[in-house]
Amino acid sequence: DTGRNGVGDMRNDCSNWCNIRGAGAGLASAAVQNSSVVDAFFWLKTPGESDGCTSILPDGSTCARFDSMCSSSDSIGSTPTEPRAPEAGKWFDFQVKQLAANAKLQSVTAPSTASFVVV
């Protein structure tokens, strides 16, 4: 999924996945030619759709579908200075503006063959 991987090392913990602070959109969906390793770059989720809600929704009500991963130290809304996140799949304006501001949409050359290091 390249829809949110335009910024590397944006997380304190790689297991955190919900509305990650500092994320940026990555390469747009496209087929890859001349590679035996990569078939395509693909945005699996529409940039701007919330991954999940903060325990309190933007309207002040309680989120019935709250997942504790959405309050991780890397999640937007886990600090008091950030907006609260809406339910999964709902438009998250703050997040889409962050994804656009941090976007890295340049094309890259996919590896033509796999390379592995045996230790």
Foldseek 3Di string as FASTA:
>chain_A
DQQWALDPPQDPDPVQDWAFPQTAHEADWDAAPQAPPGGIDYDPDDFQFGQAWDQAAQVRHGDPPDDVSCLPPGHAPVDPVGGTDHGGRDGDVVRSVSRHVSYDHDDDHDHRYDDDDDD
